[in-house]
PDB file of N, CA and C in Angstrom:
ATOM      1  N   PRO A   1       2.815   5.406  -6.071  1.00  0.00           N
ATOM      2  CA  PRO A   1       2.201   5.878  -4.828  1.00  0.00           C
ATOM      3  C   PRO A   1       1.731   7.325  -4.927  1.00  0.00           C
ATOM      4  N   SER A   2       0.899   7.704  -4.003  1.00  0.00           N
ATOM      5  CA  SER A   2       0.395   9.069  -3.932  1.00  0.00           C
ATOM      6  C   SER A   2       1.537  10.050  -3.697  1.00  0.00           C
ATOM      7  N   GLU A   3       1.373  11.259  -4.205  1.00  0.00           N
ATOM      8  CA  GLU A   3       2.367  12.305  -3.970  1.00  0.00           C
ATOM      9  C   GLU A   3       1.889  13.312  -2.931  1.00  0.00           C
ATOM     10  N   THR A   4       0.781  13.018  -2.270  1.00  0.00           N
ATOM     11  CA  THR A   4       0.268  13.894  -1.226  1.00  0.00           C
ATOM     12  C   THR A   4       1.340  14.107  -0.165  1.00  0.00           C
ATOM     13  N   SER A   5       1.529  15.352   0.230  1.00  0.00           N
ATOM     14  CA  SER A   5       2.561  15.632   1.229  1.00  0.00           C
ATOM     15  C   SER A   5       1.996  16.284   2.488  1.00  0.00           C
ATOM     16  N   ASP A   6       0.729  16.639   2.472  1.00  0.00           N
ATOM     17  CA  ASP A   6       0.096  17.309   3.603  1.00  0.00           C
ATOM     18  C   ASP A   6      -0.784  16.308   4.352  1.00  0.00           C
ATOM     19  N   LEU A   7      -0.468  16.057   5.605  1.00  0.00           N
ATOM     20  CA  LEU A   7      -1.212  15.083   6.401  1.00  0.00           C
ATOM     21  C   LEU A   7      -2.698  15.413   6.454  1.00  0.00           C
ATOM     22  N   GLU A   8      -3.041  16.685   6.431  1.00  0.00           N
ATOM     23  CA  GLU A   8      -4.441  17.091   6.516  1.00  0.00           C
ATOM     24  C   GLU A   8      -5.231  16.790   5.245  1.00  0.00           C
ATOM     25  N   LYS A   9      -4.567  16.293   4.208  1.00  0.00           N
ATOM     26  CA  LYS A   9      -5.240  15.926   2.956  1.00  0.00           C
ATOM     27  C   LYS A   9      -5.182  14.423   2.689  1.00  0.00           C
ATOM     28  N   THR A  10      -4.742  13.656   3.664  1.00  0.00           N
ATOM     29  CA  THR A  10      -4.497  12.235   3.433  1.00  0.00           C
ATOM     30  C   THR A  10      -5.704  11.348   3.687  1.00  0.00           C
ATOM     31  N   LEU A  11      -5.681  10.217   3.012  1.00  0.00           N
ATOM     32  CA  LEU A  11      -6.596   9.112   3.274  1.00  0.00           C
ATOM     33  C   LEU A  11      -5.727   7.990   3.824  1.00  0.00           C
ATOM     34  N   ILE A  12      -5.966   7.630   5.070  1.00  0.00           N
ATOM     35  CA  ILE A  12      -5.122   6.652   5.759  1.00  0.00           C
ATOM     36  C   ILE A  12      -5.957   5.452   6.184  1.00  0.00           C
ATOM     37  N   GLY A  13      -5.433   4.281   5.910  1.00  0.00           N
ATOM     38  CA  GLY A  13      -6.041   3.052   6.413  1.00  0.00           C
ATOM     39  C   GLY A  13      -5.444   2.734   7.772  1.00  0.00           C
ATOM     40  N   VAL A  14      -6.294   2.331   8.707  1.00  0.00           N
ATOM     41  CA  VAL A  14      -5.837   1.982  10.051  1.00  0.00           C
ATOM     42  C   VAL A  14      -6.534   0.705  10.486  1.00  0.00           C
ATOM     43  N   ASP A  15      -5.768  -0.291  10.899  1.00  0.00           N
ATOM     44  CA  ASP A  15      -6.375  -1.509  11.420  1.00  0.00           C
ATOM     45  C   ASP A  15      -6.630  -1.316  12.904  1.00  0.00           C
ATOM     46  N   CYS A  16      -7.900  -1.201  13.258  1.00  0.00           N
ATOM     47  CA  CYS A  16      -8.305  -1.016  14.656  1.00  0.00           C
ATOM     48  C   CYS A  16      -8.997  -2.260  15.200  1.00  0.00           C
ATOM     49  N   ASN A  17      -8.891  -3.368  14.513  1.00  0.00           N
ATOM     50  CA  ASN A  17      -9.534  -4.601  14.934  1.00  0.00           C
ATOM     51  C   ASN A  17      -8.759  -5.194  16.105  1.00  0.00           C
ATOM     52  N   THR A  18      -9.210  -4.888  17.303  1.00  0.00           N
ATOM     53  CA  THR A  18      -8.484  -5.331  18.489  1.00  0.00           C
ATOM     54  C   THR A  18      -9.404  -5.381  19.695  1.00  0.00           C
ATOM     55  N   PHE A  19      -9.044  -6.185  20.655  1.00  0.00           N
ATOM     56  CA  PHE A  19      -9.785  -6.207  21.908  1.00  0.00           C
ATOM     57  C   PHE A  19      -9.354  -5.066  22.818  1.00  0.00           C
ATOM     58  N   LYS A  20      -8.231  -4.447  22.534  1.00  0.00           N
ATOM     59  CA  LYS A  20      -7.708  -3.355  23.347  1.00  0.00           C
ATOM     60  C   LYS A  20      -7.925  -2.031  22.625  1.00  0.00           C
ATOM     61  N   ILE A  21      -9.152  -1.768  22.201  1.00  0.00           N
ATOM     62  CA  ILE A  21      -9.447  -0.600  21.379  1.00  0.00           C
ATOM     63  C   ILE A  21      -9.136   0.702  22.114  1.00  0.00           C
ATOM     64  N   GLU A  22      -9.347   0.766  23.421  1.00  0.00           N
ATOM     65  CA  GLU A  22      -9.074   2.003  24.152  1.00  0.00           C
ATOM     66  C   GLU A  22      -7.582   2.334  24.140  1.00  0.00           C
ATOM     67  N   GLU A  23      -6.750   1.320  24.323  1.00  0.00           N
ATOM     68  CA  GLU A  23      -5.297   1.524  24.283  1.00  0.00           C
ATOM     69  C   GLU A  23      -4.856   1.959  22.887  1.00  0.00           C
ATOM     70  N   LEU A  24      -5.399   1.324  21.876  1.00  0.00           N
ATOM     71  CA  LEU A  24      -5.057   1.664  20.496  1.00  0.00           C
ATOM     72  C   LEU A  24      -5.539   3.068  20.150  1.00  0.00           C
ATOM     73  N   ALA A  25      -6.748   3.415  20.576  1.00  0.00           N
ATOM     74  CA  ALA A  25      -7.291   4.748  20.296  1.00  0.00           C
ATOM     75  C   ALA A  25      -6.422   5.834  20.922  1.00  0.00           C
ATOM     76  N   THR A  26      -5.899   5.574  22.102  1.00  0.00           N
ATOM     77  CA  THR A  26      -5.007   6.534  22.759  1.00  0.00           C
ATOM     78  C   THR A  26      -3.742   6.743  21.934  1.00  0.00           C
ATOM     79  N   LYS A  27      -3.173   5.660  21.419  1.00  0.00           N
ATOM     80  CA  LYS A  27      -1.962   5.763  20.600  1.00  0.00           C
ATOM     81  C   LYS A  27      -2.221   6.523  19.303  1.00  0.00           C
ATOM     82  N   LEU A  28      -3.428   6.379  18.753  1.00  0.00           N
ATOM     83  CA  LEU A  28      -3.742   6.970  17.449  1.00  0.00           C
ATOM     84  C   LEU A  28      -4.391   8.348  17.539  1.00  0.00           C
ATOM     85  N   GLU A  29      -4.687   8.819  18.737  1.00  0.00           N
ATOM     86  CA  GLU A  29      -5.427  10.064  18.912  1.00  0.00           C
ATOM     87  C   GLU A  29      -4.812  11.252  18.170  1.00  0.00           C
ATOM     88  N   GLY A  30      -3.507  11.440  18.283  1.00  0.00           N
ATOM     89  CA  GLY A  30      -2.852  12.558  17.605  1.00  0.00           C
ATOM     90  C   GLY A  30      -3.011  12.488  16.100  1.00  0.00           C
ATOM     91  N   LEU A  31      -2.945  11.287  15.555  1.00  0.00           N
ATOM     92  CA  LEU A  31      -3.118  11.101  14.116  1.00  0.00           C
ATOM     93  C   LEU A  31      -4.563  11.351  13.711  1.00  0.00           C
ATOM     94  N   PHE A  32      -5.515  10.859  14.508  1.00  0.00           N
ATOM     95  CA  PHE A  32      -6.931  11.052  14.201  1.00  0.00           C
ATOM     96  C   PHE A  32      -7.293  12.531  14.134  1.00  0.00           C
ATOM     97  N   LYS A  33      -6.612  13.351  14.912  1.00  0.00           N
ATOM     98  CA  LYS A  33      -6.895  14.787  14.931  1.00  0.00           C
ATOM     99  C   LYS A  33      -6.327  15.517  13.718  1.00  0.00           C
ATOM    100  N   LYS A  34      -5.344  14.929  13.029  1.00  0.00           N
ATOM    101  CA  LYS A  34      -4.646  15.654  11.965  1.00  0.00           C
ATOM    102  C   LYS A  34      -4.965  15.199  10.549  1.00  0.00           C
ATOM    103  N   ALA A  35      -5.211  13.928  10.343  1.00  0.00           N
ATOM    104  CA  ALA A  35      -5.448  13.431   8.983  1.00  0.00           C
ATOM    105  C   ALA A  35      -6.890  13.700   8.561  1.00  0.00           C
ATOM    106  N   LYS A  36      -7.119  13.699   7.258  1.00  0.00           N
ATOM    107  CA  LYS A  36      -8.438  14.042   6.734  1.00  0.00           C
ATOM    108  C   LYS A  36      -9.433  12.889   6.836  1.00  0.00           C
ATOM    109  N   HIS A  37      -9.069  11.707   6.336  1.00  0.00           N
ATOM    110  CA  HIS A  37      -9.988  10.565   6.313  1.00  0.00           C
ATOM    111  C   HIS A  37      -9.288   9.297   6.770  1.00  0.00           C
ATOM    112  N   PHE A  38     -10.075   8.394   7.366  1.00  0.00           N
ATOM    113  CA  PHE A  38      -9.573   7.082   7.769  1.00  0.00           C
ATOM    114  C   PHE A  38     -10.497   6.009   7.227  1.00  0.00           C
ATOM    115  N   ARG A  39      -9.903   4.884   6.869  1.00  0.00           N
ATOM    116  CA  ARG A  39     -10.659   3.744   6.352  1.00  0.00           C
ATOM    117  C   ARG A  39      -9.991   2.461   6.816  1.00  0.00           C
ATOM    118  N   HIS A  40     -10.771   1.381   6.788  1.00  0.00           N
ATOM    119  CA  HIS A  40     -10.191   0.039   6.920  1.00  0.00           C
ATOM    120  C   HIS A  40     -11.048  -0.904   6.094  1.00  0.00           C
ATOM    121  N   PHE A  41     -10.428  -1.504   5.091  1.00  0.00           N
ATOM    122  CA  PHE A  41     -11.140  -2.392   4.184  1.00  0.00           C
ATOM    123  C   PHE A  41     -11.136  -3.837   4.654  1.00  0.00           C
ATOM    124  N   GLY A  42     -10.336  -4.156   5.658  1.00  0.00           N
ATOM    125  CA  GLY A  42     -10.374  -5.479   6.252  1.00  0.00           C
ATOM    126  C   GLY A  42      -9.252  -6.417   5.885  1.00  0.00           C
ATOM    127  N   ALA A  43      -8.554  -6.168   4.810  1.00  0.00           N
ATOM    128  CA  ALA A  43      -7.448  -7.039   4.395  1.00  0.00           C
ATOM    129  C   ALA A  43      -6.172  -6.205   4.352  1.00  0.00           C
ATOM    130  N   ASN A  44      -5.291  -6.438   5.295  1.00  0.00           N
ATOM    131  CA  ASN A  44      -4.097  -5.602   5.405  1.00  0.00           C
ATOM    132  C   ASN A  44      -3.208  -5.660   4.177  1.00  0.00           C
ATOM    133  N   ALA A  45      -3.082  -6.823   3.556  1.00  0.00           N
ATOM    134  CA  ALA A  45      -2.266  -6.924   2.339  1.00  0.00           C
ATOM    135  C   ALA A  45      -2.852  -6.042   1.240  1.00  0.00           C
ATOM    136  N   LEU A  46      -4.166  -6.033   1.114  1.00  0.00           N
ATOM    137  CA  LEU A  46      -4.824  -5.172   0.129  1.00  0.00           C
ATOM    138  C   LEU A  46      -4.600  -3.701   0.469  1.00  0.00           C
ATOM    139  N   GLU A  47      -4.688  -3.372   1.741  1.00  0.00           N
ATOM    140  CA  GLU A  47      -4.469  -1.984   2.168  1.00  0.00           C
ATOM    141  C   GLU A  47      -3.068  -1.498   1.782  1.00  0.00           C
ATOM    142  N   ILE A  48      -2.065  -2.346   1.958  1.00  0.00           N
ATOM    143  CA  ILE A  48      -0.695  -1.977   1.595  1.00  0.00           C
ATOM    144  C   ILE A  48      -0.593  -1.783   0.084  1.00  0.00           C
ATOM    145  N   CYS A  49      -1.265  -2.630  -0.679  1.00  0.00           N
ATOM    146  CA  CYS A  49      -1.269  -2.477  -2.145  1.00  0.00           C
ATOM    147  C   CYS A  49      -1.977  -1.193  -2.563  1.00  0.00           C
ATOM    148  N   TYR A  50      -3.004  -0.777  -1.820  1.00  0.00           N
ATOM    149  CA  TYR A  50      -3.661   0.499  -2.110  1.00  0.00           C
ATOM    150  C   TYR A  50      -2.691   1.665  -1.915  1.00  0.00           C
ATOM    151  N   VAL A  51      -1.809   1.562  -0.940  1.00  0.00           N
ATOM    152  CA  VAL A  51      -0.776   2.593  -0.770  1.00  0.00           C
ATOM    153  C   VAL A  51       0.162   2.558  -1.975  1.00  0.00           C
ATOM    154  N   ALA A  52       0.519   1.364  -2.413  1.00  0.00           N
ATOM    155  CA  ALA A  52       1.436   1.219  -3.553  1.00  0.00           C
ATOM    156  C   ALA A  52       0.869   1.822  -4.828  1.00  0.00           C
ATOM    157  N   ASP A  53      -0.445   1.676  -5.049  1.00  0.00           N
ATOM    158  CA  ASP A  53      -1.014   2.186  -6.306  1.00  0.00           C
ATOM    159  C   ASP A  53      -1.568   3.602  -6.181  1.00  0.00           C
ATOM    160  N   GLY A  54      -1.453   4.208  -5.001  1.00  0.00           N
ATOM    161  CA  GLY A  54      -1.878   5.593  -4.825  1.00  0.00           C
ATOM    162  C   GLY A  54      -3.335   5.767  -4.450  1.00  0.00           C
ATOM    163  N   SER A  55      -4.073   4.678  -4.241  1.00  0.00           N
ATOM    164  CA  SER A  55      -5.477   4.796  -3.840  1.00  0.00           C
ATOM    165  C   SER A  55      -5.614   5.391  -2.443  1.00  0.00           C
ATOM    166  N   THR A  56      -4.672   5.066  -1.564  1.00  0.00           N
ATOM    167  CA  THR A  56      -4.607   5.671  -0.236  1.00  0.00           C
ATOM    168  C   THR A  56      -3.186   6.192  -0.021  1.00  0.00           C
ATOM    169  N   ASP A  57      -3.036   7.012   0.994  1.00  0.00           N
ATOM    170  CA  ASP A  57      -1.735   7.632   1.246  1.00  0.00           C
ATOM    171  C   ASP A  57      -0.881   6.861   2.245  1.00  0.00           C
ATOM    172  N   ALA A  58      -1.534   6.103   3.114  1.00  0.00           N
ATOM    173  CA  ALA A  58      -0.791   5.351   4.128  1.00  0.00           C
ATOM    174  C   ALA A  58      -1.682   4.274   4.718  1.00  0.00           C
ATOM    175  N   PHE A  59      -1.047   3.317   5.370  1.00  0.00           N
ATOM    176  CA  PHE A  59      -1.763   2.290   6.127  1.00  0.00           C
ATOM    177  C   PHE A  59      -0.952   1.983   7.371  1.00  0.00           C
ATOM    178  N   ILE A  60      -1.644   1.894   8.500  1.00  0.00           N
ATOM    179  CA  ILE A  60      -0.984   1.698   9.784  1.00  0.00           C
ATOM    180  C   ILE A  60      -1.582   0.491  10.491  1.00  0.00           C
ATOM    181  N   ASP A  61      -0.713  -0.367  10.986  1.00  0.00           N
ATOM    182  CA  ASP A  61      -1.134  -1.461  11.860  1.00  0.00           C
ATOM    183  C   ASP A  61      -0.120  -1.530  12.995  1.00  0.00           C
ATOM    184  N   ILE A  62      -0.488  -0.956  14.129  1.00  0.00           N
ATOM    185  CA  ILE A  62       0.426  -0.923  15.273  1.00  0.00           C
ATOM    186  C   ILE A  62      -0.066  -1.825  16.403  1.00  0.00           C
ATOM    187  N   ARG A  63      -0.885  -2.810  16.066  1.00  0.00           N
ATOM    188  CA  ARG A  63      -1.433  -3.724  17.072  1.00  0.00           C
ATOM    189  C   ARG A  63      -0.455  -4.812  17.477  1.00  0.00           C
ATOM    190  N   GLY A  64       0.540  -5.087  16.634  1.00  0.00           N
ATOM    191  CA  GLY A  64       1.473  -6.169  16.923  1.00  0.00           C
ATOM    192  C   GLY A  64       0.871  -7.547  16.741  1.00  0.00           C
ATOM    193  N   LYS A  65      -0.139  -7.647  15.886  1.00  0.00           N
ATOM    194  CA  LYS A  65      -0.846  -8.917  15.703  1.00  0.00           C
ATOM    195  C   LYS A  65      -0.727  -9.496  14.298  1.00  0.00           C
ATOM    196  N   LEU A  66      -0.323  -8.705  13.330  1.00  0.00           N
ATOM    197  CA  LEU A  66      -0.298  -9.178  11.946  1.00  0.00           C
ATOM    198  C   LEU A  66       0.859 -10.144  11.729  1.00  0.00           C
ATOM    199  N   ARG A  67       0.556 -11.282  11.114  1.00  0.00           N
ATOM    200  CA  ARG A  67       1.609 -12.252  10.806  1.00  0.00           C
ATOM    201  C   ARG A  67       2.410 -11.777   9.598  1.00  0.00           C
ATOM    202  N   VAL A  68       3.688 -11.974   9.651  1.00  0.00           N
ATOM    203  CA  VAL A  68       4.575 -11.600   8.552  1.00  0.00           C
ATOM    204  C   VAL A  68       4.118 -12.267   7.259  1.00  0.00           C
ATOM    205  N   THR A  69       3.720 -13.513   7.345  1.00  0.00           N
ATOM    206  CA  THR A  69       3.318 -14.262   6.151  1.00  0.00           C
ATOM    207  C   THR A  69       2.063 -13.694   5.501  1.00  0.00           C
ATOM    208  N   ASP A  70       1.299 -12.870   6.224  1.00  0.00           N
ATOM    209  CA  ASP A  70       0.090 -12.270   5.665  1.00  0.00           C
ATOM    210  C   ASP A  70       0.353 -10.965   4.930  1.00  0.00           C
ATOM    211  N   MET A  71       1.564 -10.439   5.022  1.00  0.00           N
ATOM    212  CA  MET A  71       1.817  -9.152   4.375  1.00  0.00           C
ATOM    213  C   MET A  71       3.103  -9.093   3.569  1.00  0.00           C
ATOM    214  N   VAL A  72       3.852 -10.176   3.517  1.00  0.00           N
ATOM    215  CA  VAL A  72       5.166 -10.127   2.878  1.00  0.00           C
ATOM    216  C   VAL A  72       5.088  -9.786   1.388  1.00  0.00           C
ATOM    217  N   ALA A  73       4.106 -10.305   0.663  1.00  0.00           N
ATOM    218  CA  ALA A  73       4.000 -10.005  -0.772  1.00  0.00           C
ATOM    219  C   ALA A  73       3.665  -8.532  -0.997  1.00  0.00           C
ATOM    220  N   SER A  74       2.732  -7.997  -0.209  1.00  0.00           N
ATOM    221  CA  SER A  74       2.371  -6.587  -0.371  1.00  0.00           C
ATOM    222  C   SER A  74       3.506  -5.667   0.076  1.00  0.00           C
ATOM    223  N   TYR A  75       4.298  -6.113   1.026  1.00  0.00           N
ATOM    224  CA  TYR A  75       5.499  -5.375   1.433  1.00  0.00           C
ATOM    225  C   TYR A  75       6.398  -5.157   0.216  1.00  0.00           C
ATOM    226  N   LEU A  76       6.644  -6.211  -0.527  1.00  0.00           N
ATOM    227  CA  LEU A  76       7.497  -6.122  -1.715  1.00  0.00           C
ATOM    228  C   LEU A  76       6.864  -5.226  -2.780  1.00  0.00           C
ATOM    229  N   ILE A  77       5.564  -5.358  -2.982  1.00  0.00           N
ATOM    230  CA  ILE A  77       4.866  -4.531  -3.974  1.00  0.00           C
ATOM    231  C   ILE A  77       5.027  -3.050  -3.638  1.00  0.00           C
ATOM    232  N   LEU A  78       4.825  -2.690  -2.377  1.00  0.00           N
ATOM    233  CA  LEU A  78       4.958  -1.286  -1.974  1.00  0.00           C
ATOM    234  C   LEU A  78       6.389  -0.794  -2.128  1.00  0.00           C
ATOM    235  N   ARG A  79       7.349  -1.578  -1.708  1.00  0.00           N
ATOM    236  CA  ARG A  79       8.756  -1.178  -1.843  1.00  0.00           C
ATOM    237  C   ARG A  79       9.126  -0.985  -3.312  1.00  0.00           C
ATOM    238  N   GLU A  80       8.685  -1.892  -4.176  1.00  0.00           N
ATOM    239  CA  GLU A  80       8.976  -1.786  -5.614  1.00  0.00           C
ATOM    240  C   GLU A  80       8.313  -0.556  -6.226  1.00  0.00           C
ATOM    241  N   ALA A  81       7.170  -0.143  -5.675  1.00  0.00           N
ATOM    242  CA  ALA A  81       6.462   1.034  -6.180  1.00  0.00           C
ATOM    243  C   ALA A  81       7.086   2.341  -5.686  1.00  0.00           C
ATOM    244  N   GLY A  82       8.000   2.251  -4.728  1.00  0.00           N
ATOM    245  CA  GLY A  82       8.654   3.452  -4.214  1.00  0.00           C
ATOM    246  C   GLY A  82       8.123   3.935  -2.882  1.00  0.00           C
ATOM    247  N   GLY A  83       7.241   3.167  -2.267  1.00  0.00           N
ATOM    248  CA  GLY A  83       6.696   3.547  -0.969  1.00  0.00           C
ATOM    249  C   GLY A  83       7.607   3.136   0.171  1.00  0.00           C
ATOM    250  N   ILE A  84       7.162   3.453   1.368  1.00  0.00           N
ATOM    251  CA  ILE A  84       7.925   3.196   2.584  1.00  0.00           C
ATOM    252  C   ILE A  84       7.110   2.266   3.474  1.00  0.00           C
ATOM    253  N   ILE A  85       7.752   1.269   4.051  1.00  0.00           N
ATOM    254  CA  ILE A  85       7.098   0.419   5.042  1.00  0.00           C
ATOM    255  C   ILE A  85       8.134   0.050   6.089  1.00  0.00           C
ATOM    256  N   VAL A  86       7.906   0.550   7.302  1.00  0.00           N
ATOM    257  CA  VAL A  86       8.875   0.395   8.387  1.00  0.00           C
ATOM    258  C   VAL A  86       8.140   0.132   9.702  1.00  0.00           C
ATOM    259  N   SER A  87       8.912  -0.172  10.726  1.00  0.00           N
ATOM    260  CA  SER A  87       8.337  -0.354  12.059  1.00  0.00           C
ATOM    261  C   SER A  87       7.850   1.001  12.583  1.00  0.00           C
ATOM    262  N   PRO A  88       6.992   1.017  13.596  1.00  0.00           N
ATOM    263  CA  PRO A  88       6.560   2.294  14.172  1.00  0.00           C
ATOM    264  C   PRO A  88       7.720   3.143  14.695  1.00  0.00           C
ATOM    265  N   GLU A  89       8.851   2.496  14.996  1.00  0.00           N
ATOM    266  CA  GLU A  89      10.037   3.223  15.460  1.00  0.00           C
ATOM    267  C   GLU A  89      10.886   3.739  14.306  1.00  0.00           C
ATOM    268  N   GLY A  90      10.496   3.429  13.079  1.00  0.00           N
ATOM    269  CA  GLY A  90      11.223   3.916  11.915  1.00  0.00           C
ATOM    270  C   GLY A  90      12.302   2.986  11.405  1.00  0.00           C
ATOM    271  N   GLU A  91      12.358   1.774  11.928  1.00  0.00           N
ATOM    272  CA  GLU A  91      13.387   0.826  11.515  1.00  0.00           C
ATOM    273  C   GLU A  91      12.885  -0.061  10.382  1.00  0.00           C
ATOM    274  N   GLN A  92      13.810  -0.502   9.536  1.00  0.00           N
ATOM    275  CA  GLN A  92      13.448  -1.433   8.471  1.00  0.00           C
ATOM    276  C   GLN A  92      12.873  -2.701   9.086  1.00  0.00           C
ATOM    277  N   LEU A  93      11.876  -3.267   8.430  1.00  0.00           N
ATOM    278  CA  LEU A  93      11.303  -4.524   8.905  1.00  0.00           C
ATOM    279  C   LEU A  93      12.270  -5.642   8.558  1.00  0.00           C
ATOM    280  N   ASN A  94      12.816  -6.250   9.561  1.00  0.00           N
ATOM    281  CA  ASN A  94      13.777  -7.324   9.371  1.00  0.00           C
ATOM    282  C   ASN A  94      13.444  -8.417  10.379  1.00  0.00           C
ATOM    283  N   VAL A  95      12.424  -9.192  10.046  1.00  0.00           N
ATOM    284  CA  VAL A  95      11.942 -10.229  10.956  1.00  0.00           C
ATOM    285  C   VAL A  95      11.946 -11.574  10.242  1.00  0.00           C
ATOM    286  N   PRO A  96      12.022 -12.645  10.993  1.00  0.00           N
ATOM    287  CA  PRO A  96      12.008 -13.973  10.366  1.00  0.00           C
ATOM    288  C   PRO A  96      10.694 -14.233   9.634  1.00  0.00           C
ATOM    289  N   LEU A  97      10.776 -14.915   8.523  1.00  0.00           N
ATOM    290  CA  LEU A  97       9.584 -15.287   7.766  1.00  0.00           C
ATOM    291  C   LEU A  97       9.027 -16.565   8.386  1.00  0.00           C
ATOM    292  N   ALA A  98       8.362 -16.395   9.513  1.00  0.00           N
ATOM    293  CA  ALA A  98       7.819 -17.522  10.264  1.00  0.00           C
ATOM    294  C   ALA A  98       6.346 -17.258  10.570  1.00  0.00           C
ATOM    295  N   PRO A  99       5.512 -18.282  10.529  1.00  0.00           N
ATOM    296  CA  PRO A  99       4.078 -18.084  10.752  1.00  0.00           C
ATOM    297  C   PRO A  99       3.734 -17.595  12.155  1.00  0.00           C
ATOM    298  N   THR A 100       4.637 -17.723  13.095  1.00  0.00           N
ATOM    299  CA  THR A 100       4.375 -17.253  14.455  1.00  0.00           C
ATOM    300  C   THR A 100       4.858 -15.829  14.693  1.00  0.00           C
ATOM    301  N   GLN A 101       5.624 -15.276  13.775  1.00  0.00           N
ATOM    302  CA  GLN A 101       6.174 -13.922  13.921  1.00  0.00           C
ATOM    303  C   GLN A 101       5.079 -12.882  13.689  1.00  0.00           C
ATOM    304  N   ARG A 102       4.923 -11.953  14.606  1.00  0.00           N
ATOM    305  CA  ARG A 102       3.925 -10.876  14.500  1.00  0.00           C
ATOM    306  C   ARG A 102       4.654  -9.537  14.430  1.00  0.00           C
ATOM    307  N   LEU A 103       3.997  -8.538  13.828  1.00  0.00           N
ATOM    308  CA  LEU A 103       4.657  -7.242  13.724  1.00  0.00           C
ATOM    309  C   LEU A 103       3.677  -6.094  13.652  1.00  0.00           C
ATOM    310  N   SER A 104       4.221  -4.902  13.825  1.00  0.00           N
ATOM    311  CA  SER A 104       3.522  -3.632  13.651  1.00  0.00           C
ATOM    312  C   SER A 104       4.275  -2.861  12.587  1.00  0.00           C
ATOM    313  N   PHE A 105       3.583  -1.980  11.868  1.00  0.00           N
ATOM    314  CA  PHE A 105       4.267  -1.229  10.816  1.00  0.00           C
ATOM    315  C   PHE A 105       3.490   0.015  10.421  1.00  0.00           C
ATOM    316  N   ILE A 106       4.193   0.885   9.726  1.00  0.00           N
ATOM    317  CA  ILE A 106       3.609   2.047   9.064  1.00  0.00           C
ATOM    318  C   ILE A 106       4.003   1.942   7.600  1.00  0.00           C
ATOM    319  N   ALA A 107       3.018   1.941   6.725  1.00  0.00           N
ATOM    320  CA  ALA A 107       3.256   1.953   5.281  1.00  0.00           C
ATOM    321  C   ALA A 107       2.823   3.321   4.769  1.00  0.00           C
ATOM    322  N   ALA A 108       3.688   3.991   4.035  1.00  0.00           N
ATOM    323  CA  ALA A 108       3.373   5.338   3.554  1.00  0.00           C
ATOM    324  C   ALA A 108       3.796   5.503   2.107  1.00  0.00           C
ATOM    325  N   SER A 109       3.095   6.375   1.417  1.00  0.00           N
ATOM    326  CA  SER A 109       3.369   6.604   0.002  1.00  0.00           C
ATOM    327  C   SER A 109       4.679   7.343  -0.222  1.00  0.00           C
ATOM    328  N   ASN A 110       5.077   8.156   0.749  1.00  0.00           N
ATOM    329  CA  ASN A 110       6.322   8.911   0.598  1.00  0.00           C
ATOM    330  C   ASN A 110       6.870   9.289   1.973  1.00  0.00           C
ATOM    331  N   ASN A 111       8.078   9.770   2.001  1.00  0.00           N
ATOM    332  CA  ASN A 111       8.746  10.081   3.263  1.00  0.00           C
ATOM    333  C   ASN A 111       8.083  11.231   4.011  1.00  0.00           C
ATOM    334  N   ARG A 112       7.556  12.220   3.302  1.00  0.00           N
ATOM    335  CA  ARG A 112       6.905  13.355   3.979  1.00  0.00           C
ATOM    336  C   ARG A 112       5.693  12.885   4.782  1.00  0.00           C
ATOM    337  N   ILE A 113       4.872  12.036   4.175  1.00  0.00           N
ATOM    338  CA  ILE A 113       3.697  11.514   4.877  1.00  0.00           C
ATOM    339  C   ILE A 113       4.130  10.624   6.038  1.00  0.00           C
ATOM    340  N   TYR A 114       5.118   9.789   5.795  1.00  0.00           N
ATOM    341  CA  TYR A 114       5.614   8.916   6.868  1.00  0.00           C
ATOM    342  C   TYR A 114       6.068   9.746   8.074  1.00  0.00           C
ATOM    343  N   GLU A 115       6.872  10.775   7.844  1.00  0.00           N
ATOM    344  CA  GLU A 115       7.373  11.615   8.940  1.00  0.00           C
ATOM    345  C   GLU A 115       6.225  12.321   9.658  1.00  0.00           C
ATOM    346  N   ALA A 116       5.230  12.786   8.909  1.00  0.00           N
ATOM    347  CA  ALA A 116       4.078  13.452   9.521  1.00  0.00           C
ATOM    348  C   ALA A 116       3.277  12.472  10.382  1.00  0.00           C
ATOM    349  N   ILE A 117       3.146  11.248   9.923  1.00  0.00           N
ATOM    350  CA  ILE A 117       2.439  10.225  10.700  1.00  0.00           C
ATOM    351  C   ILE A 117       3.205   9.925  11.986  1.00  0.00           C
ATOM    352  N   ARG A 118       4.498   9.728  11.872  1.00  0.00           N
ATOM    353  CA  ARG A 118       5.313   9.450  13.078  1.00  0.00           C
ATOM    354  C   ARG A 118       5.188  10.590  14.082  1.00  0.00           C
ATOM    355  N   GLU A 119       5.257  11.816  13.589  1.00  0.00           N
ATOM    356  CA  GLU A 119       5.142  12.972  14.481  1.00  0.00           C
ATOM    357  C   GLU A 119       3.777  12.994  15.163  1.00  0.00           C
ATOM    358  N   ALA A 120       2.717  12.728  14.400  1.00  0.00           N
ATOM    359  CA  ALA A 120       1.366  12.726  14.967  1.00  0.00           C
ATOM    360  C   ALA A 120       1.189  11.598  15.982  1.00  0.00           C
ATOM    361  N   LEU A 121       1.753  10.441  15.705  1.00  0.00           N
ATOM    362  CA  LEU A 121       1.651   9.319  16.642  1.00  0.00           C
ATOM    363  C   LEU A 121       2.410   9.591  17.935  1.00  0.00           C
ATOM    364  N   ASN A 122       3.459  10.383  17.852  1.00  0.00           N
ATOM    365  CA  ASN A 122       4.265  10.686  19.035  1.00  0.00           C
ATOM    366  C   ASN A 122       3.798  11.926  19.785  1.00  0.00           C
ATOM    367  N   SER A 123       2.766  12.592  19.269  1.00  0.00           N
ATOM    368  CA  SER A 123       2.295  13.828  19.932  1.00  0.00           C
ATOM    369  C   SER A 123       1.307  13.531  21.042  1.00  0.00           C
TER     370      SER A 123
END
């Protein structure tokens, strides 16, 4: 994963594909003001793998719409690479592996970036 530690130098993927874009934009406003670049390539599993290989510094999906089965393999890849992937509240993801289970998460290359993202989201 990336060793970037300054939020103002990060490249962050954000899934904004939602019908409630205004609500999501409000939640992400603090982060949008602090990070350097944002991208979304369209495939959340790929985005998490980009965090694992250092191509991006973090990926955020706080919509509560992603199925666990769509990201479980990339979750393992990121964890094995030394990255962090937790709930927006900072808790370990511990949900049933069921096709109906949906979740939100923050994936980060390191703890410094993760903490900076959490702080920005809560500002």
